[in-house]
Amino acid sequence: MRQVPRRGGPPWGGVPRPVLRWALVAAGLVVVLTAGWLLWPDDEPPPRQREYRAETACLLTGAQGVASPEAGPVWSGMQEASLATQVKVQYLEVDGPQTGAQAETFLAGLVQNRCDVIFAVGAAPVAGVPKIAARYPQARFVAFGAIEPGRNVSVVDDSDPEVVRQQAHDLVVALTRTPS
């Protein structure tokens, strides 16, 4: 005998009603969980980009970098001033032999990077300042050590770390008061 399909029956065929109910509950649960996951707020705020001014203050240090006792207060003062004024600050270490001639290469690089003022801390960076300052008269240098000041070279020769920090801070803040 041939079976004739029933007309007007449920479209799901012969699926028992309890199985159908569980399938619908599971599908609804998947939809609710997916919507909750998609709409859940982010745990972390979006990253903030710091807006800097056009001025840049650069620091050249010896091989120990800003961890050296003479460079630490200078870098600290520069960072404090940057937070207050949005002047960009950066530092670079003399790599290789710690000589004035080696430091000259790094000082010239900072001039080429268009630093508005270049701080030199440590024996080698300070020793390299006079020659580079003469070669680049438009650049401004601040030497934290014992050298002769020049037309574009200022000298801070103090052993008190707090005085040195404050001097570096004030020199960076002063960038905001001069026309670029």
Protein backbone atom coordinates (compact mmCIF):
# COMPACT_ATOMS: atom_id res chain seq x y z
CA MET A 1 0.00 0.00 0.00
CA ARG A 2 1.19 3.37 -0.89
CA GLN A 3 1.38 6.09 1.77
CA VAL A 4 -0.04 9.40 0.88
CA PRO A 5 1.39 12.39 2.75
CA ARG A 6 -1.05 14.20 4.90
CA ARG A 7 -1.99 17.61 3.85
CA GLY A 8 -2.30 20.41 6.36
CA GLY A 9 0.11 18.75 8.80
CA PRO A 10 2.96 20.57 10.54
CA PRO A 11 5.79 21.72 8.22
CA TRP A 12 8.44 20.06 10.39
CA GLY A 13 7.22 16.69 9.53
CA GLY A 14 7.34 13.97 12.08
CA VAL A 15 9.53 15.71 14.70
CA PRO A 16 8.05 15.16 18.15
CA ARG A 17 6.85 18.31 19.90
CA PRO A 18 9.21 18.06 22.95
CA VAL A 19 12.26 17.87 20.66
CA LEU A 20 10.97 20.83 18.69
CA ARG A 21 10.49 22.88 21.89
CA TRP A 22 14.06 22.18 23.06
CA ALA A 23 15.43 23.10 19.64
CA LEU A 24 13.55 26.41 19.70
CA VAL A 25 14.73 27.16 23.27
CA ALA A 26 18.34 26.38 22.31
CA ALA A 27 18.13 28.59 19.19
CA GLY A 28 16.65 31.44 21.25
CA LEU A 29 19.39 31.06 23.84
CA VAL A 30 22.07 31.22 21.13
CA VAL A 31 20.49 34.40 19.73
CA VAL A 32 20.32 36.06 23.18
CA LEU A 33 23.91 35.12 24.09
CA THR A 34 25.24 36.31 20.73
CA ALA A 35 23.42 39.64 21.02
CA GLY A 36 24.70 40.08 24.59
CA TRP A 37 28.27 39.35 23.54
CA LEU A 38 28.10 41.78 20.61
CA LEU A 39 26.52 44.58 22.64
CA TRP A 40 28.65 44.17 25.79
CA PRO A 41 30.74 47.32 26.49
CA ASP A 42 34.51 47.15 26.07
CA ASP A 43 36.51 46.66 29.26
CA GLU A 44 39.30 48.97 28.12
CA PRO A 45 38.77 52.52 26.95
CA PRO A 46 40.06 53.26 23.48
CA PRO A 47 43.74 54.24 23.44
CA ARG A 48 44.35 57.95 23.82
CA GLN A 49 46.71 59.75 21.54
CA ARG A 50 48.68 62.55 23.13
CA GLU A 51 48.68 65.76 21.15
CA TYR A 52 52.10 67.41 21.19
CA ARG A 53 53.11 70.94 20.34
CA ALA A 54 55.46 71.56 17.42
CA GLU A 55 58.49 72.03 19.70
CA THR A 56 60.86 69.18 20.56
CA ALA A 57 63.55 69.02 23.23
CA CYS A 58 66.18 66.30 22.80
CA LEU A 59 68.63 64.83 25.29
CA LEU A 60 71.91 63.15 24.39
CA THR A 61 73.40 61.00 27.15
CA GLY A 62 76.32 58.65 27.61
CA ALA A 63 76.02 54.88 27.33
CA GLN A 64 74.05 54.52 30.60
CA GLY A 65 71.24 56.64 29.20
CA VAL A 66 68.79 58.36 31.52
CA ALA A 67 69.70 55.90 34.29
CA SER A 68 73.02 57.67 34.83
CA PRO A 69 73.21 59.92 37.91
CA GLU A 70 73.88 63.05 35.85
CA ALA A 71 71.21 62.40 33.18
CA GLY A 72 68.39 61.26 35.49
CA PRO A 73 67.54 64.71 36.90
CA VAL A 74 67.71 66.32 33.45
CA TRP A 75 65.36 63.73 31.95
CA SER A 76 63.01 64.03 34.94
CA GLY A 77 62.79 67.80 34.50
CA MET A 78 62.21 67.42 30.76
CA GLN A 79 59.39 64.92 31.32
CA GLU A 80 57.69 67.10 33.92
CA ALA A 81 57.81 70.06 31.54
CA SER A 82 56.45 67.92 28.72
CA LEU A 83 53.46 66.88 30.80
CA ALA A 84 52.76 70.51 31.65
CA THR A 85 53.30 72.00 28.17
CA GLN A 86 52.90 69.16 25.63
CA VAL A 87 56.39 69.86 24.27
CA LYS A 88 57.74 66.61 22.87
CA VAL A 89 60.83 65.28 24.65
CA GLN A 90 63.09 62.44 23.56
CA TYR A 91 66.50 61.07 24.39
CA LEU A 92 69.31 59.24 22.67
CA GLU A 93 72.37 57.45 24.04
CA VAL A 94 75.84 57.68 22.54
CA ASP A 95 76.53 54.21 21.24
CA GLY A 96 80.05 52.85 20.92
CA PRO A 97 83.19 54.54 22.22
CA GLN A 98 82.36 57.25 24.74
CA THR A 99 84.34 60.05 23.10
CA GLY A 100 83.50 63.57 22.01
CA ALA A 101 84.12 62.60 18.38
CA GLN A 102 81.64 59.73 18.66
CA ALA A 103 79.09 62.00 20.34
CA GLU A 104 79.39 64.53 17.50
CA THR A 105 77.71 62.07 15.14
CA PHE A 106 74.74 61.72 17.48
CA LEU A 107 74.53 65.47 18.11
CA ALA A 108 74.49 66.12 14.35
CA GLY A 109 71.70 63.54 14.03
CA LEU A 110 69.62 65.37 16.62
CA VAL A 111 70.15 68.63 14.72
CA GLN A 112 68.98 66.89 11.53
CA ASN A 113 65.91 65.64 13.40
CA ARG A 114 65.04 69.28 13.99
CA CYS A 115 65.22 69.33 17.77
CA ASP A 116 64.48 72.86 18.98
CA VAL A 117 66.94 72.51 21.84
CA ILE A 118 69.50 69.77 22.43
CA PHE A 119 70.60 68.92 25.95
CA ALA A 120 73.97 67.17 26.35
CA VAL A 121 74.72 65.28 29.58
CA GLY A 122 77.83 63.26 30.35
CA ALA A 123 81.50 63.62 29.45
CA ALA A 124 81.31 62.45 25.81
CA PRO A 125 78.13 64.33 24.79
CA VAL A 126 79.32 67.57 26.44
CA ALA A 127 82.74 67.24 24.77
CA GLY A 128 81.06 66.96 21.37
CA VAL A 129 78.94 70.11 21.72
CA PRO A 130 81.46 72.87 20.78
CA LYS A 131 82.36 71.46 17.36
CA ILE A 132 78.75 70.65 16.39
CA ALA A 133 77.48 74.00 17.73
CA ALA A 134 80.02 75.78 15.49
CA ARG A 135 78.93 73.67 12.49
CA TYR A 136 75.20 74.29 13.11
CA PRO A 137 74.82 77.88 14.36
CA GLN A 138 71.02 77.77 14.01
CA ALA A 139 70.75 74.91 16.56
CA ARG A 140 70.43 75.56 20.29
CA PHE A 141 72.47 73.49 22.75
CA VAL A 142 72.48 73.21 26.52
CA ALA A 143 75.48 71.44 28.02
CA PHE A 144 75.15 70.09 31.53
CA GLY A 145 78.85 70.14 32.36
CA ALA A 146 81.94 72.28 32.33
CA ILE A 147 82.51 73.80 28.87
CA GLU A 148 82.65 77.34 27.54
CA PRO A 149 79.28 78.86 26.64
CA GLY A 150 78.88 80.14 23.11
CA ARG A 151 76.43 82.03 20.93
CA ASN A 152 74.18 78.96 20.64
CA VAL A 153 75.49 77.04 23.66
CA SER A 154 74.20 77.52 27.19
CA VAL A 155 75.91 75.82 30.11
CA VAL A 156 74.40 74.46 33.31
CA ASP A 157 77.26 73.56 35.63
CA ASP A 158 75.72 72.54 38.93
CA SER A 159 76.11 69.38 40.98
CA ASP A 160 72.78 69.66 42.84
CA PRO A 161 70.33 67.27 41.10
CA GLU A 162 67.31 69.36 42.11
CA VAL A 163 68.79 72.52 40.58
CA VAL A 164 69.66 70.59 37.42
CA ARG A 165 66.13 69.13 37.21
CA GLN A 166 64.58 72.58 37.62
CA GLN A 167 66.90 74.10 35.00
CA ALA A 168 65.98 71.40 32.47
CA HIS A 169 62.29 71.88 33.28
CA ASP A 170 62.49 75.65 32.82
CA LEU A 171 64.40 75.38 29.55
CA VAL A 172 61.77 73.06 28.06
CA VAL A 173 58.94 75.30 29.28
CA ALA A 174 60.74 78.26 27.68
CA LEU A 175 60.27 76.61 24.27
CA THR A 176 56.58 77.40 24.49
CA ARG A 177 57.33 81.10 24.88
CA THR A 178 59.57 81.51 21.85
CA PRO A 179 58.30 81.74 18.27
CA SER A 180 58.99 78.59 16.27
